[in-house]
Protein backbone atom coordinates (compact mmCIF):
# COMPACT_ATOMS: atom_id res chain seq x y z
CA UNK A 1 19.68 43.59 2.64
CA UNK A 2 20.25 41.45 -0.24
CA UNK A 3 21.14 37.96 -0.42
CA UNK A 4 21.70 34.69 -2.28
CA UNK A 5 20.45 31.36 -1.51
CA UNK A 6 22.17 28.03 -2.34
CA UNK A 7 20.02 24.94 -2.04
CA UNK A 8 21.52 20.72 -2.18
CA UNK A 9 23.54 22.84 -4.86
CA UNK A 10 27.13 22.19 -3.90
CA UNK A 11 27.11 18.78 -4.09
CA UNK A 12 27.88 18.46 -7.59
CA UNK A 13 30.86 20.68 -7.15
CA UNK A 14 34.73 19.77 -6.77
CA UNK A 15 37.02 21.48 -3.87
CA UNK A 16 38.33 23.55 -6.32
CA UNK A 17 35.07 24.83 -7.83
CA UNK A 18 33.41 25.30 -4.42
CA UNK A 19 36.29 28.01 -3.41
CA UNK A 20 35.57 29.79 -6.82
CA UNK A 21 32.32 29.74 -5.98
CA UNK A 22 32.93 31.31 -2.66
CA UNK A 23 35.46 33.49 -3.95
CA UNK A 24 32.77 35.23 -6.26
CA UNK A 25 30.25 35.62 -3.68
CA UNK A 26 32.35 36.99 -1.67
CA UNK A 27 33.14 39.56 -4.44
CA UNK A 28 30.24 40.44 -5.46
CA UNK A 29 28.55 41.03 -1.87
CA UNK A 30 28.58 44.23 -0.28
CA UNK A 31 28.50 44.52 3.84
CA UNK A 32 25.50 43.12 5.45
CA UNK A 33 24.46 40.55 2.27
CA UNK A 34 23.60 37.25 3.00
CA UNK A 35 24.80 33.89 1.42
CA UNK A 36 22.60 31.49 2.71
CA UNK A 37 23.98 27.58 2.17
CA UNK A 38 21.49 24.57 3.03
CA UNK A 39 23.38 21.61 1.49
CA UNK A 40 24.59 18.41 3.63
CA UNK A 41 26.25 18.98 7.24
CA UNK A 42 29.31 18.09 7.70
CA UNK A 43 29.00 16.81 11.35
CA UNK A 44 25.59 15.52 11.58
CA UNK A 45 24.17 14.59 15.22
CA UNK A 46 24.44 10.99 15.33
CA UNK A 47 20.60 10.31 15.57
CA UNK A 48 20.20 11.83 12.04
CA UNK A 49 23.26 9.98 10.50
CA UNK A 50 21.49 6.88 9.70
CA UNK A 51 18.65 8.35 8.10
CA UNK A 52 21.14 10.94 5.78
CA UNK A 53 23.18 7.53 5.01
CA UNK A 54 20.42 6.20 3.48
CA UNK A 55 19.15 9.20 1.77
CA UNK A 56 22.63 9.63 -0.18
CA UNK A 57 22.90 6.04 -0.54
CA UNK A 58 19.30 5.84 -2.39
CA UNK A 59 18.75 8.79 -3.91
CA UNK A 60 22.88 10.92 -4.31
CA UNK A 61 25.98 10.33 -6.22
CA UNK A 62 29.28 10.33 -4.59
CA UNK A 63 29.90 14.02 -4.83
CA UNK A 64 27.37 14.20 -2.16
CA UNK A 65 29.23 11.99 -0.19
CA UNK A 66 32.11 14.04 -0.53
CA UNK A 67 30.59 16.81 0.62
CA UNK A 68 29.29 15.42 3.68
CA UNK A 69 32.61 15.18 4.52
CA UNK A 70 34.04 18.78 3.47
CA UNK A 71 34.03 21.75 6.30
CA UNK A 72 32.13 24.33 4.03
CA UNK A 73 32.86 26.77 6.74
CA UNK A 74 36.14 26.82 6.66
CA UNK A 75 36.78 27.16 3.01
CA UNK A 76 34.19 30.35 3.12
CA UNK A 77 36.29 31.59 6.02
CA UNK A 78 39.38 30.94 3.58
CA UNK A 79 37.95 33.61 0.98
CA UNK A 80 36.73 36.10 3.99
CA UNK A 81 32.96 34.75 4.69
CA UNK A 82 31.77 34.52 7.95
CA UNK A 83 29.72 31.26 8.66
CA UNK A 84 27.07 30.73 10.76
CA UNK A 85 26.45 27.45 11.60
CA UNK A 86 23.00 26.22 12.62
CA UNK A 87 23.89 22.97 14.24
């Protein structure tokens, strides 16, 4: 089985760019391949949100804040990829 891993990289992309990236991933993957996406979550457990908010405020730009409000699972589904959310 082959796959692709993206870790905290999507935060630098605009919404249209995210869609293009996910479409390309879908086009090149064969059945059984994995796309492992690790980034800032949309729905965070309220216990973890204050720490994540401080981290974003101190170390990240506006794009990371926007990504934390993006439903990546829906964007993946729009191009035909299935999301297995670990939350």
